[in-house]
Amino acid sequence: MYSAAIFDMDGLLIDSERVILRAWVEAARGIGREVDEADYAAVVGRTEAESVPILEALLGGAANLRRVHETAQQLLNAEGRPAFPLKSGAQALLQVLRSRGVPCAVASSTAVHEVRRRLDAVGVLEHFATIVGGNEVPRGKPDPAIYALAAARLGVETHTCLAFEDSENGARSVLAAGMALVVVPDLRAPPPEVLHRAAAVLGELGHALERVPGWFAQPS
């Protein structure tokens, strides 16, 4: 059994990846560049510093990246704030874990202040004992630093953690940290060699509910 649960955020807890992808595709087309799902997948899970050179190469330089980023942000905030709804099953799973006394954390490549804002907006921030953001580690996913730091802040060993991820970079980060992995694919599923190393591959977070008793001890 596991002693803690650690979650990615974008594409796992909240349905943000599709919204952001659509904004970037539209913004890139405005400067005559085509961005598709495969291109976007290359930066999913990476920190901003690591994503910049990838996006500059894709969009044709730093100036184009700035233009696309500004336009994408305008599109995302067109109605006042980004609309990133909670993913199906997330609330139910977090409530069950809380009722069993399972400590939970978020390990996201997004900056901490933005993680807190997005999770607060959908009413689940209170379920997490700690938040780790990509601005707090030198290297983003697939490096294990984000997950290792989350475990350290929870005060548990990495091998006792069960981590939930949707992307290839995130899944590889979990495995590199020595944690058990649950994959809930979003835009693009990790490759078979990664999925085969997962404790479970689920269609949505709600499908984990029936597995909770086998994964986490009953509270005393």
N, C-alpha and C. Protein backbone atom coordinates (compact mmCIF):
# COMPACT_ATOMS: atom_id res chain seq x y z
N MET A 1 0.82 -1.20 0.00
CA MET A 1 0.00 0.00 0.00
C MET A 1 0.87 1.26 0.00
N TYR A 2 0.29 2.36 -0.44
CA TYR A 2 1.02 3.62 -0.58
C TYR A 2 0.65 4.58 0.55
N SER A 3 1.57 5.52 0.83
CA SER A 3 1.36 6.44 1.95
C SER A 3 0.93 7.83 1.51
N ALA A 4 1.03 8.14 0.22
CA ALA A 4 0.67 9.48 -0.26
C ALA A 4 0.30 9.42 -1.73
N ALA A 5 -0.48 10.42 -2.17
CA ALA A 5 -0.87 10.53 -3.57
C ALA A 5 -0.39 11.89 -4.10
N ILE A 6 0.23 11.86 -5.27
CA ILE A 6 0.74 13.09 -5.87
C ILE A 6 0.14 13.22 -7.28
N PHE A 7 -0.31 14.42 -7.60
CA PHE A 7 -1.02 14.66 -8.85
C PHE A 7 -0.34 15.73 -9.70
N ASP A 8 -0.29 15.47 -11.00
CA ASP A 8 -0.05 16.54 -11.96
C ASP A 8 -1.30 17.41 -11.96
N MET A 9 -1.25 18.57 -12.63
CA MET A 9 -2.45 19.42 -12.68
C MET A 9 -3.02 19.53 -14.09
N ASP A 10 -2.29 20.17 -14.99
CA ASP A 10 -2.83 20.45 -16.32
C ASP A 10 -3.04 19.16 -17.12
N GLY A 11 -4.27 18.97 -17.58
CA GLY A 11 -4.60 17.79 -18.35
C GLY A 11 -4.97 16.59 -17.49
N LEU A 12 -4.79 16.71 -16.18
CA LEU A 12 -5.12 15.61 -15.26
C LEU A 12 -6.23 16.04 -14.30
N LEU A 13 -5.96 17.05 -13.47
CA LEU A 13 -6.98 17.56 -12.55
C LEU A 13 -7.90 18.55 -13.24
N ILE A 14 -7.34 19.36 -14.12
CA ILE A 14 -8.16 20.35 -14.83
C ILE A 14 -7.99 20.18 -16.34
N ASP A 15 -9.04 20.52 -17.07
CA ASP A 15 -9.02 20.36 -18.52
C ASP A 15 -8.48 21.64 -19.15
N SER A 16 -7.17 21.84 -19.00
CA SER A 16 -6.54 23.07 -19.47
C SER A 16 -5.75 22.88 -20.75
N GLU A 17 -5.20 21.69 -20.98
CA GLU A 17 -4.32 21.49 -22.12
C GLU A 17 -5.04 21.78 -23.44
N ARG A 18 -6.29 21.32 -23.57
CA ARG A 18 -7.03 21.55 -24.82
C ARG A 18 -7.30 23.03 -25.04
N VAL A 19 -7.66 23.71 -23.94
CA VAL A 19 -7.96 25.14 -24.03
C VAL A 19 -6.71 25.92 -24.45
N ILE A 20 -5.59 25.62 -23.83
CA ILE A 20 -4.34 26.30 -24.14
C ILE A 20 -3.89 25.97 -25.56
N LEU A 21 -4.00 24.69 -25.94
CA LEU A 21 -3.62 24.29 -27.30
C LEU A 21 -4.40 25.07 -28.34
N ARG A 22 -5.72 25.19 -28.16
CA ARG A 22 -6.54 25.91 -29.13
C ARG A 22 -6.10 27.37 -29.24
N ALA A 23 -5.77 27.98 -28.09
CA ALA A 23 -5.34 29.38 -28.10
C ALA A 23 -4.01 29.54 -28.84
N TRP A 24 -3.07 28.63 -28.61
CA TRP A 24 -1.77 28.71 -29.27
C TRP A 24 -1.89 28.44 -30.76
N VAL A 25 -2.74 27.50 -31.16
CA VAL A 25 -2.95 27.22 -32.58
C VAL A 25 -3.48 28.45 -33.29
N GLU A 26 -4.48 29.08 -32.69
CA GLU A 26 -5.08 30.28 -33.28
C GLU A 26 -4.08 31.43 -33.34
N ALA A 27 -3.33 31.62 -32.26
CA ALA A 27 -2.35 32.71 -32.22
C ALA A 27 -1.23 32.49 -33.23
N ALA A 28 -0.78 31.25 -33.37
CA ALA A 28 0.30 30.95 -34.33
C ALA A 28 -0.17 31.16 -35.76
N ARG A 29 -1.39 30.81 -36.04
CA ARG A 29 -1.92 31.02 -37.39
C ARG A 29 -1.95 32.51 -37.74
N GLY A 30 -2.09 33.33 -36.73
CA GLY A 30 -2.11 34.77 -36.96
C GLY A 30 -0.81 35.31 -37.51
N ILE A 31 0.29 34.58 -37.31
CA ILE A 31 1.58 34.99 -37.87
C ILE A 31 2.03 34.04 -38.97
N GLY A 32 1.10 33.21 -39.45
CA GLY A 32 1.39 32.32 -40.56
C GLY A 32 2.12 31.05 -40.19
N ARG A 33 2.01 30.64 -38.93
CA ARG A 33 2.65 29.41 -38.46
C ARG A 33 1.60 28.40 -38.05
N GLU A 34 1.84 27.13 -38.36
CA GLU A 34 0.92 26.07 -37.97
C GLU A 34 1.49 25.31 -36.78
N VAL A 35 0.70 25.19 -35.73
CA VAL A 35 1.07 24.41 -34.54
C VAL A 35 0.00 23.33 -34.38
N ASP A 36 0.43 22.08 -34.25
CA ASP A 36 -0.54 21.00 -34.07
C ASP A 36 -0.34 20.33 -32.71
N GLU A 37 -1.15 19.32 -32.45
CA GLU A 37 -1.12 18.65 -31.15
C GLU A 37 0.24 18.03 -30.86
N ALA A 38 0.87 17.45 -31.88
CA ALA A 38 2.18 16.82 -31.68
C ALA A 38 3.24 17.86 -31.31
N ASP A 39 3.16 19.04 -31.94
CA ASP A 39 4.10 20.12 -31.60
C ASP A 39 3.92 20.54 -30.14
N TYR A 40 2.66 20.73 -29.73
CA TYR A 40 2.36 21.18 -28.38
C TYR A 40 2.79 20.12 -27.35
N ALA A 41 2.64 18.85 -27.72
CA ALA A 41 3.00 17.76 -26.80
C ALA A 41 4.46 17.81 -26.40
N ALA A 42 5.31 18.40 -27.25
CA ALA A 42 6.74 18.47 -26.96
C ALA A 42 7.05 19.32 -25.74
N VAL A 43 6.15 20.25 -25.40
CA VAL A 43 6.42 21.12 -24.25
C VAL A 43 5.54 20.79 -23.05
N VAL A 44 4.60 19.87 -23.20
CA VAL A 44 3.74 19.50 -22.08
C VAL A 44 4.58 18.88 -20.97
N GLY A 45 4.46 19.42 -19.77
CA GLY A 45 5.20 18.90 -18.63
C GLY A 45 6.54 19.58 -18.41
N ARG A 46 7.00 20.37 -19.36
CA ARG A 46 8.29 21.05 -19.21
C ARG A 46 8.11 22.42 -18.55
N THR A 47 9.18 22.89 -17.93
CA THR A 47 9.14 24.22 -17.33
C THR A 47 9.17 25.27 -18.44
N GLU A 48 8.83 26.50 -18.08
CA GLU A 48 8.85 27.59 -19.05
C GLU A 48 10.23 27.77 -19.67
N ALA A 49 11.27 27.70 -18.84
CA ALA A 49 12.64 27.88 -19.34
C ALA A 49 13.01 26.82 -20.37
N GLU A 50 12.54 25.60 -20.16
CA GLU A 50 12.84 24.52 -21.09
C GLU A 50 11.97 24.59 -22.34
N SER A 51 10.78 25.15 -22.21
CA SER A 51 9.86 25.23 -23.34
C SER A 51 10.24 26.32 -24.33
N VAL A 52 10.86 27.39 -23.86
CA VAL A 52 11.15 28.54 -24.71
C VAL A 52 11.96 28.17 -25.95
N PRO A 53 13.11 27.48 -25.84
CA PRO A 53 13.87 27.17 -27.06
C PRO A 53 13.11 26.27 -28.03
N ILE A 54 12.28 25.38 -27.50
CA ILE A 54 11.48 24.51 -28.36
C ILE A 54 10.47 25.33 -29.14
N LEU A 55 9.81 26.25 -28.46
CA LEU A 55 8.79 27.08 -29.10
C LEU A 55 9.41 28.10 -30.05
N GLU A 56 10.59 28.62 -29.71
CA GLU A 56 11.26 29.55 -30.62
C GLU A 56 11.60 28.86 -31.93
N ALA A 57 12.08 27.62 -31.85
CA ALA A 57 12.40 26.87 -33.07
C ALA A 57 11.15 26.59 -33.89
N LEU A 58 10.06 26.29 -33.20
CA LEU A 58 8.80 25.98 -33.87
C LEU A 58 8.19 27.20 -34.55
N LEU A 59 8.30 28.35 -33.89
CA LEU A 59 7.60 29.56 -34.36
C LEU A 59 8.49 30.51 -35.15
N GLY A 60 9.78 30.21 -35.23
CA GLY A 60 10.65 31.05 -36.05
C GLY A 60 11.32 32.19 -35.32
N GLY A 61 11.65 31.99 -34.06
CA GLY A 61 12.43 32.98 -33.34
C GLY A 61 11.73 33.58 -32.13
N ALA A 62 12.52 34.32 -31.35
CA ALA A 62 12.04 34.89 -30.09
C ALA A 62 10.93 35.92 -30.30
N ALA A 63 11.06 36.74 -31.35
CA ALA A 63 10.05 37.77 -31.59
C ALA A 63 8.70 37.16 -31.90
N ASN A 64 8.70 36.12 -32.72
CA ASN A 64 7.44 35.44 -33.04
C ASN A 64 6.85 34.77 -31.81
N LEU A 65 7.71 34.18 -30.98
CA LEU A 65 7.21 33.55 -29.76
C LEU A 65 6.53 34.58 -28.87
N ARG A 66 7.14 35.76 -28.73
CA ARG A 66 6.52 36.80 -27.89
C ARG A 66 5.15 37.19 -28.43
N ARG A 67 5.06 37.36 -29.75
CA ARG A 67 3.79 37.73 -30.37
C ARG A 67 2.72 36.67 -30.14
N VAL A 68 3.10 35.41 -30.36
CA VAL A 68 2.14 34.32 -30.21
C VAL A 68 1.72 34.18 -28.75
N HIS A 69 2.68 34.29 -27.84
CA HIS A 69 2.37 34.18 -26.42
C HIS A 69 1.40 35.28 -25.98
N GLU A 70 1.66 36.50 -26.40
CA GLU A 70 0.79 37.62 -26.03
C GLU A 70 -0.63 37.42 -26.57
N THR A 71 -0.72 36.99 -27.83
CA THR A 71 -2.03 36.77 -28.43
C THR A 71 -2.77 35.62 -27.75
N ALA A 72 -2.04 34.54 -27.46
CA ALA A 72 -2.65 33.39 -26.79
C ALA A 72 -3.19 33.78 -25.42
N GLN A 73 -2.42 34.60 -24.68
CA GLN A 73 -2.88 35.05 -23.37
C GLN A 73 -4.12 35.91 -23.48
N GLN A 74 -4.18 36.75 -24.51
CA GLN A 74 -5.37 37.57 -24.72
C GLN A 74 -6.59 36.70 -25.01
N LEU A 75 -6.39 35.66 -25.79
CA LEU A 75 -7.49 34.75 -26.10
C LEU A 75 -7.96 34.00 -24.85
N LEU A 76 -7.00 33.56 -24.03
CA LEU A 76 -7.34 32.81 -22.82
C LEU A 76 -8.07 33.68 -21.79
N ASN A 77 -7.76 34.97 -21.81
CA ASN A 77 -8.36 35.88 -20.83
C ASN A 77 -9.46 36.74 -21.43
N ALA A 78 -9.98 36.32 -22.57
CA ALA A 78 -10.98 37.12 -23.28
C ALA A 78 -12.23 37.36 -22.45
N GLU A 79 -12.54 36.43 -21.55
CA GLU A 79 -13.74 36.57 -20.73
C GLU A 79 -13.40 36.84 -19.27
N GLY A 80 -12.21 37.37 -19.04
CA GLY A 80 -11.84 37.77 -17.69
C GLY A 80 -10.81 36.87 -17.03
N ARG A 81 -10.95 35.55 -17.23
CA ARG A 81 -9.97 34.61 -16.69
C ARG A 81 -10.10 33.29 -17.44
N PRO A 82 -9.04 32.50 -17.47
CA PRO A 82 -9.10 31.25 -18.21
C PRO A 82 -10.17 30.31 -17.65
N ALA A 83 -10.85 29.62 -18.52
CA ALA A 83 -11.89 28.67 -18.10
C ALA A 83 -11.33 27.26 -18.18
N PHE A 84 -10.76 26.80 -17.09
CA PHE A 84 -10.17 25.46 -17.04
C PHE A 84 -11.00 24.61 -16.09
N PRO A 85 -11.99 23.89 -16.58
CA PRO A 85 -12.87 23.13 -15.70
C PRO A 85 -12.17 21.92 -15.07
N LEU A 86 -12.73 21.49 -13.96
CA LEU A 86 -12.23 20.30 -13.28
C LEU A 86 -12.52 19.08 -14.13
N LYS A 87 -11.57 18.16 -14.18
CA LYS A 87 -11.75 16.94 -14.97
C LYS A 87 -12.71 15.99 -14.24
N SER A 88 -13.36 15.16 -15.03
CA SER A 88 -14.32 14.20 -14.48
C SER A 88 -13.67 13.27 -13.46
N GLY A 89 -14.32 13.13 -12.32
CA GLY A 89 -13.84 12.21 -11.29
C GLY A 89 -12.84 12.80 -10.32
N ALA A 90 -12.30 13.98 -10.63
CA ALA A 90 -11.25 14.55 -9.78
C ALA A 90 -11.75 14.87 -8.38
N GLN A 91 -12.88 15.57 -8.30
CA GLN A 91 -13.41 15.95 -7.00
C GLN A 91 -13.73 14.74 -6.14
N ALA A 92 -14.38 13.74 -6.72
CA ALA A 92 -14.76 12.53 -5.97
C ALA A 92 -13.54 11.80 -5.44
N LEU A 93 -12.50 11.67 -6.26
CA LEU A 93 -11.29 10.96 -5.83
C LEU A 93 -10.60 11.72 -4.71
N LEU A 94 -10.47 13.03 -4.85
CA LEU A 94 -9.81 13.82 -3.81
C LEU A 94 -10.57 13.77 -2.49
N GLN A 95 -11.89 13.76 -2.55
CA GLN A 95 -12.69 13.68 -1.33
C GLN A 95 -12.51 12.34 -0.64
N VAL A 96 -12.45 11.26 -1.41
CA VAL A 96 -12.26 9.93 -0.84
C VAL A 96 -10.87 9.82 -0.20
N LEU A 97 -9.86 10.33 -0.88
CA LEU A 97 -8.51 10.28 -0.32
C LEU A 97 -8.43 11.09 0.97
N ARG A 98 -9.10 12.22 1.00
CA ARG A 98 -9.10 13.04 2.21
C ARG A 98 -9.80 12.32 3.35
N SER A 99 -10.90 11.64 3.05
CA SER A 99 -11.64 10.91 4.08
C SER A 99 -10.82 9.77 4.67
N ARG A 100 -9.88 9.27 3.90
CA ARG A 100 -9.01 8.17 4.37
C ARG A 100 -7.72 8.69 4.98
N GLY A 101 -7.56 9.99 5.03
CA GLY A 101 -6.36 10.58 5.62
C GLY A 101 -5.12 10.45 4.78
N VAL A 102 -5.29 10.31 3.47
CA VAL A 102 -4.14 10.17 2.57
C VAL A 102 -3.61 11.57 2.22
N PRO A 103 -2.37 11.88 2.56
CA PRO A 103 -1.82 13.19 2.20
C PRO A 103 -1.64 13.31 0.70
N CYS A 104 -2.04 14.45 0.15
CA CYS A 104 -1.98 14.65 -1.30
C CYS A 104 -1.15 15.90 -1.61
N ALA A 105 -0.49 15.85 -2.76
CA ALA A 105 0.31 16.99 -3.24
C ALA A 105 0.08 17.16 -4.73
N VAL A 106 0.43 18.35 -5.22
CA VAL A 106 0.45 18.61 -6.65
C VAL A 106 1.89 18.83 -7.06
N ALA A 107 2.29 18.20 -8.17
CA ALA A 107 3.62 18.38 -8.75
C ALA A 107 3.42 18.80 -10.20
N SER A 108 3.46 20.11 -10.44
CA SER A 108 3.12 20.66 -11.75
C SER A 108 4.26 21.49 -12.32
N SER A 109 4.40 21.46 -13.63
CA SER A 109 5.40 22.30 -14.29
C SER A 109 4.99 23.76 -14.32
N THR A 110 3.74 24.04 -14.06
CA THR A 110 3.24 25.41 -13.99
C THR A 110 3.74 26.08 -12.70
N ALA A 111 3.94 27.37 -12.73
CA ALA A 111 4.42 28.10 -11.55
C ALA A 111 3.44 27.97 -10.39
N VAL A 112 3.96 27.95 -9.18
CA VAL A 112 3.17 27.70 -7.98
C VAL A 112 1.97 28.63 -7.85
N HIS A 113 2.17 29.93 -8.06
CA HIS A 113 1.07 30.87 -7.87
C HIS A 113 -0.07 30.60 -8.84
N GLU A 114 0.28 30.15 -10.06
CA GLU A 114 -0.75 29.85 -11.04
C GLU A 114 -1.46 28.53 -10.73
N VAL A 115 -0.70 27.57 -10.22
CA VAL A 115 -1.31 26.30 -9.78
C VAL A 115 -2.36 26.57 -8.72
N ARG A 116 -1.97 27.36 -7.73
CA ARG A 116 -2.91 27.68 -6.64
C ARG A 116 -4.15 28.41 -7.17
N ARG A 117 -3.95 29.34 -8.09
CA ARG A 117 -5.07 30.09 -8.63
C ARG A 117 -6.04 29.18 -9.38
N ARG A 118 -5.50 28.31 -10.22
CA ARG A 118 -6.35 27.43 -11.03
C ARG A 118 -7.10 26.41 -10.16
N LEU A 119 -6.42 25.85 -9.17
CA LEU A 119 -7.08 24.87 -8.32
C LEU A 119 -8.10 25.51 -7.39
N ASP A 120 -7.80 26.72 -6.95
CA ASP A 120 -8.76 27.45 -6.12
C ASP A 120 -10.02 27.78 -6.92
N ALA A 121 -9.84 28.09 -8.19
CA ALA A 121 -10.97 28.46 -9.04
C ALA A 121 -11.96 27.32 -9.22
N VAL A 122 -11.48 26.07 -9.12
CA VAL A 122 -12.38 24.91 -9.29
C VAL A 122 -12.67 24.22 -7.96
N GLY A 123 -12.24 24.84 -6.86
CA GLY A 123 -12.65 24.38 -5.54
C GLY A 123 -11.97 23.15 -4.99
N VAL A 124 -10.71 22.87 -5.41
CA VAL A 124 -10.04 21.68 -4.88
C VAL A 124 -8.71 21.99 -4.20
N LEU A 125 -8.33 23.24 -4.12
CA LEU A 125 -7.04 23.59 -3.53
C LEU A 125 -6.90 23.06 -2.11
N GLU A 126 -7.99 23.06 -1.35
CA GLU A 126 -7.95 22.65 0.05
C GLU A 126 -7.55 21.19 0.25
N HIS A 127 -7.62 20.38 -0.80
CA HIS A 127 -7.31 18.96 -0.67
C HIS A 127 -5.81 18.67 -0.65
N PHE A 128 -4.98 19.67 -0.92
CA PHE A 128 -3.56 19.41 -1.09
C PHE A 128 -2.73 19.99 0.06
N ALA A 129 -1.89 19.14 0.63
CA ALA A 129 -1.04 19.55 1.74
C ALA A 129 0.12 20.42 1.26
N THR A 130 0.54 20.22 0.01
CA THR A 130 1.63 21.02 -0.54
C THR A 130 1.50 21.09 -2.05
N ILE A 131 2.07 22.15 -2.61
CA ILE A 131 2.09 22.38 -4.05
C ILE A 131 3.54 22.59 -4.47
N VAL A 132 3.98 21.89 -5.50
CA VAL A 132 5.30 22.10 -6.08
C VAL A 132 5.12 22.56 -7.51
N GLY A 133 5.77 23.66 -7.87
CA GLY A 133 5.65 24.20 -9.22
C GLY A 133 6.95 24.15 -9.97
N GLY A 134 6.86 24.28 -11.27
CA GLY A 134 8.04 24.23 -12.12
C GLY A 134 9.04 25.33 -11.86
N ASN A 135 8.60 26.42 -11.24
CA ASN A 135 9.51 27.51 -10.92
C ASN A 135 10.36 27.22 -9.68
N GLU A 136 10.15 26.07 -9.06
CA GLU A 136 10.89 25.73 -7.83
C GLU A 136 11.97 24.68 -8.04
N VAL A 137 12.12 24.20 -9.25
CA VAL A 137 13.14 23.16 -9.52
C VAL A 137 14.00 23.59 -10.71
N PRO A 138 15.25 23.13 -10.75
CA PRO A 138 16.14 23.54 -11.85
C PRO A 138 15.78 22.91 -13.18
N ARG A 139 15.17 21.73 -13.15
CA ARG A 139 14.82 21.02 -14.38
C ARG A 139 13.40 20.48 -14.27
N GLY A 140 12.64 20.62 -15.34
CA GLY A 140 11.27 20.14 -15.35
C GLY A 140 11.15 18.69 -15.76
N LYS A 141 9.93 18.22 -15.83
CA LYS A 141 9.67 16.86 -16.29
C LYS A 141 10.20 16.69 -17.72
N PRO A 142 10.80 15.56 -18.04
CA PRO A 142 10.80 14.26 -17.35
C PRO A 142 11.83 14.09 -16.23
N ASP A 143 12.56 15.14 -15.88
CA ASP A 143 13.44 15.04 -14.72
C ASP A 143 12.60 14.77 -13.47
N PRO A 144 13.10 13.98 -12.52
CA PRO A 144 12.30 13.62 -11.34
C PRO A 144 12.24 14.67 -10.24
N ALA A 145 12.91 15.82 -10.43
CA ALA A 145 13.04 16.80 -9.35
C ALA A 145 11.71 17.25 -8.77
N ILE A 146 10.71 17.49 -9.62
CA ILE A 146 9.42 17.99 -9.13
C ILE A 146 8.77 16.98 -8.20
N TYR A 147 8.78 15.72 -8.60
CA TYR A 147 8.16 14.69 -7.77
C TYR A 147 8.96 14.41 -6.50
N ALA A 148 10.28 14.44 -6.62
CA ALA A 148 11.11 14.22 -5.43
C ALA A 148 10.86 15.31 -4.40
N LEU A 149 10.72 16.55 -4.85
CA LEU A 149 10.47 17.65 -3.92
C LEU A 149 9.09 17.53 -3.29
N ALA A 150 8.10 17.09 -4.05
CA ALA A 150 6.75 16.91 -3.50
C ALA A 150 6.76 15.88 -2.39
N ALA A 151 7.46 14.76 -2.60
CA ALA A 151 7.54 13.72 -1.57
C ALA A 151 8.25 14.25 -0.33
N ALA A 152 9.33 14.99 -0.54
CA ALA A 152 10.09 15.54 0.58
C ALA A 152 9.22 16.48 1.42
N ARG A 153 8.42 17.29 0.76
CA ARG A 153 7.56 18.23 1.50
C ARG A 153 6.44 17.50 2.24
N LEU A 154 6.02 16.36 1.72
CA LEU A 154 5.01 15.57 2.44
C LEU A 154 5.64 14.76 3.57
N GLY A 155 6.97 14.66 3.55
CA GLY A 155 7.67 13.89 4.58
C GLY A 155 7.59 12.39 4.37
N VAL A 156 7.53 11.95 3.10
CA VAL A 156 7.44 10.52 2.80
C VAL A 156 8.52 10.14 1.81
N GLU A 157 8.83 8.84 1.76
CA GLU A 157 9.80 8.34 0.80
C GLU A 157 9.14 8.24 -0.58
N THR A 158 9.93 8.49 -1.61
CA THR A 158 9.36 8.48 -2.96
C THR A 158 8.74 7.13 -3.32
N HIS A 159 9.35 6.04 -2.87
CA HIS A 159 8.84 4.72 -3.27
C HIS A 159 7.50 4.38 -2.60
N THR A 160 7.07 5.20 -1.64
CA THR A 160 5.78 4.97 -1.00
C THR A 160 4.66 5.82 -1.62
N CYS A 161 4.99 6.56 -2.67
CA CYS A 161 4.02 7.46 -3.30
C CYS A 161 3.39 6.84 -4.54
N LEU A 162 2.13 7.16 -4.74
CA LEU A 162 1.42 6.81 -5.97
C LEU A 162 1.14 8.13 -6.69
N ALA A 163 1.64 8.26 -7.90
CA ALA A 163 1.53 9.52 -8.63
C ALA A 163 0.65 9.36 -9.87
N PHE A 164 -0.16 10.38 -10.13
CA PHE A 164 -1.10 10.38 -11.24
C PHE A 164 -0.64 11.37 -12.31
N GLU A 165 -0.55 10.90 -13.54
CA GLU A 165 -0.07 11.72 -14.65
C GLU A 165 -0.86 11.44 -15.92
N ASP A 166 -0.80 12.40 -16.85
CA ASP A 166 -1.47 12.21 -18.14
C ASP A 166 -0.50 12.17 -19.31
N SER A 167 0.67 12.82 -19.19
CA SER A 167 1.57 12.98 -20.33
C SER A 167 2.80 12.08 -20.24
N GLU A 168 3.48 11.95 -21.38
CA GLU A 168 4.70 11.15 -21.41
C GLU A 168 5.78 11.76 -20.53
N ASN A 169 6.03 13.06 -20.66
CA ASN A 169 7.07 13.69 -19.84
C ASN A 169 6.77 13.53 -18.35
N GLY A 170 5.51 13.71 -17.99
CA GLY A 170 5.13 13.55 -16.59
C GLY A 170 5.29 12.14 -16.10
N ALA A 171 4.87 11.18 -16.92
CA ALA A 171 4.98 9.77 -16.53
C ALA A 171 6.44 9.37 -16.34
N ARG A 172 7.28 9.82 -17.23
CA ARG A 172 8.71 9.50 -17.10
C ARG A 172 9.31 10.14 -15.86
N SER A 173 8.82 11.31 -15.50
CA SER A 173 9.28 11.98 -14.28
C SER A 173 8.94 11.15 -13.05
N VAL A 174 7.70 10.65 -13.01
CA VAL A 174 7.25 9.80 -11.90
C VAL A 174 8.13 8.56 -11.77
N LEU A 175 8.34 7.87 -12.87
CA LEU A 175 9.12 6.64 -12.85
C LEU A 175 10.57 6.91 -12.45
N ALA A 176 11.13 8.02 -12.94
CA ALA A 176 12.51 8.37 -12.59
C ALA A 176 12.65 8.69 -11.11
N ALA A 177 11.55 9.16 -10.51
CA ALA A 177 11.57 9.46 -9.07
C ALA A 177 11.41 8.21 -8.22
N GLY A 178 11.12 7.09 -8.85
CA GLY A 178 10.95 5.84 -8.11
C GLY A 178 9.57 5.66 -7.51
N MET A 179 8.58 6.38 -8.06
CA MET A 179 7.20 6.27 -7.57
C MET A 179 6.38 5.33 -8.44
N ALA A 180 5.30 4.83 -7.87
CA ALA A 180 4.34 4.06 -8.65
C ALA A 180 3.52 5.03 -9.49
N LEU A 181 3.14 4.60 -10.68
CA LEU A 181 2.52 5.49 -11.66
C LEU A 181 1.12 5.04 -12.04
N VAL A 182 0.21 6.02 -12.07
CA VAL A 182 -1.12 5.81 -12.65
C VAL A 182 -1.25 6.81 -13.80
N VAL A 183 -1.57 6.30 -14.98
CA VAL A 183 -1.70 7.17 -16.15
C VAL A 183 -3.17 7.35 -16.50
N VAL A 184 -3.55 8.62 -16.67
CA VAL A 184 -4.89 8.97 -17.14
C VAL A 184 -4.67 9.85 -18.38
N PRO A 185 -4.57 9.25 -19.56
CA PRO A 185 -4.18 10.01 -20.76
C PRO A 185 -5.12 11.16 -21.06
N ASP A 186 -4.53 12.24 -21.59
CA ASP A 186 -5.33 13.41 -21.97
C ASP A 186 -5.17 13.63 -23.47
N LEU A 187 -4.39 14.63 -23.88
CA LEU A 187 -4.24 14.91 -25.30
C LEU A 187 -3.58 13.75 -26.05
N ARG A 188 -2.57 13.20 -25.45
CA ARG A 188 -1.78 12.17 -26.12
C ARG A 188 -1.24 11.20 -25.08
N ALA A 189 -1.55 9.93 -25.23
CA ALA A 189 -1.11 8.92 -24.26
C ALA A 189 0.39 8.70 -24.35
N PRO A 190 1.05 8.43 -23.23
CA PRO A 190 2.46 8.04 -23.28
C PRO A 190 2.65 6.80 -24.14
N PRO A 191 3.85 6.55 -24.63
CA PRO A 191 4.09 5.38 -25.49
C PRO A 191 3.93 4.07 -24.71
N PRO A 192 3.76 2.96 -25.43
CA PRO A 192 3.54 1.66 -24.77
C PRO A 192 4.60 1.29 -23.74
N GLU A 193 5.86 1.62 -24.02
CA GLU A 193 6.91 1.23 -23.07
C GLU A 193 6.76 1.93 -21.73
N VAL A 194 6.12 3.10 -21.71
CA VAL A 194 5.84 3.80 -20.46
C VAL A 194 4.57 3.24 -19.82
N LEU A 195 3.53 3.05 -20.61
CA LEU A 195 2.27 2.52 -20.09
C LEU A 195 2.46 1.15 -19.45
N HIS A 196 3.34 0.36 -20.00
CA HIS A 196 3.56 -0.99 -19.45
C HIS A 196 4.19 -0.97 -18.06
N ARG A 197 4.77 0.17 -17.69
CA ARG A 197 5.40 0.29 -16.37
C ARG A 197 4.46 0.92 -15.34
N ALA A 198 3.25 1.23 -15.76
CA ALA A 198 2.28 1.87 -14.86
C ALA A 198 1.54 0.84 -14.01
N ALA A 199 1.18 1.26 -12.81
CA ALA A 199 0.37 0.41 -11.94
C ALA A 199 -1.05 0.30 -12.49
N ALA A 200 -1.48 1.34 -13.20
CA ALA A 200 -2.81 1.33 -13.82
C ALA A 200 -2.86 2.39 -14.90
N VAL A 201 -3.68 2.13 -15.92
CA VAL A 201 -3.98 3.11 -16.96
C VAL A 201 -5.50 3.26 -16.97
N LEU A 202 -5.98 4.48 -16.67
CA LEU A 202 -7.41 4.70 -16.46
C LEU A 202 -7.98 5.68 -17.48
N GLY A 203 -9.27 5.55 -17.74
CA GLY A 203 -9.94 6.46 -18.65
C GLY A 203 -10.21 7.82 -18.04
N GLU A 204 -10.41 7.87 -16.73
CA GLU A 204 -10.62 9.13 -16.00
C GLU A 204 -10.28 8.89 -14.54
N LEU A 205 -10.11 9.96 -13.79
CA LEU A 205 -9.73 9.84 -12.38
C LEU A 205 -10.79 9.10 -11.56
N GLY A 206 -12.05 9.24 -11.94
CA GLY A 206 -13.10 8.55 -11.21
C GLY A 206 -12.97 7.05 -11.23
N HIS A 207 -12.29 6.52 -12.23
CA HIS A 207 -12.11 5.06 -12.31
C HIS A 207 -11.14 4.56 -11.25
N ALA A 208 -10.45 5.47 -10.57
CA ALA A 208 -9.54 5.07 -9.49
C ALA A 208 -10.27 4.80 -8.19
N LEU A 209 -11.51 5.23 -8.08
CA LEU A 209 -12.24 5.11 -6.81
C LEU A 209 -12.30 3.68 -6.30
N GLU A 210 -12.59 2.74 -7.17
CA GLU A 210 -12.71 1.35 -6.74
C GLU A 210 -11.38 0.74 -6.36
N ARG A 211 -10.29 1.38 -6.76
CA ARG A 211 -8.95 0.86 -6.45
C ARG A 211 -8.37 1.44 -5.17
N VAL A 212 -8.96 2.52 -4.67
CA VAL A 212 -8.42 3.20 -3.49
C VAL A 212 -8.22 2.25 -2.30
N PRO A 213 -9.19 1.38 -1.97
CA PRO A 213 -8.98 0.49 -0.82
C PRO A 213 -7.76 -0.41 -0.96
N GLY A 214 -7.41 -0.77 -2.17
CA GLY A 214 -6.24 -1.61 -2.39
C GLY A 214 -4.94 -0.83 -2.44
N TRP A 215 -5.04 0.47 -2.67
CA TRP A 215 -3.86 1.30 -2.76
C TRP A 215 -3.49 1.98 -1.44
N PHE A 216 -4.50 2.34 -0.65
CA PHE A 216 -4.25 3.11 0.56
C PHE A 216 -4.95 2.46 1.75
N ALA A 217 -4.28 2.44 2.88
CA ALA A 217 -4.80 1.79 4.07
C ALA A 217 -6.04 2.51 4.60
N GLN A 218 -6.92 1.73 5.21
CA GLN A 218 -8.12 2.31 5.87
C GLN A 218 -7.67 3.10 7.10
N PRO A 219 -8.21 4.29 7.29
CA PRO A 219 -7.82 5.09 8.48
C PRO A 219 -8.19 4.38 9.77
N SER A 220 -7.35 4.52 10.78
CA SER A 220 -7.62 3.85 12.06
C SER A 220 -8.62 4.64 12.89
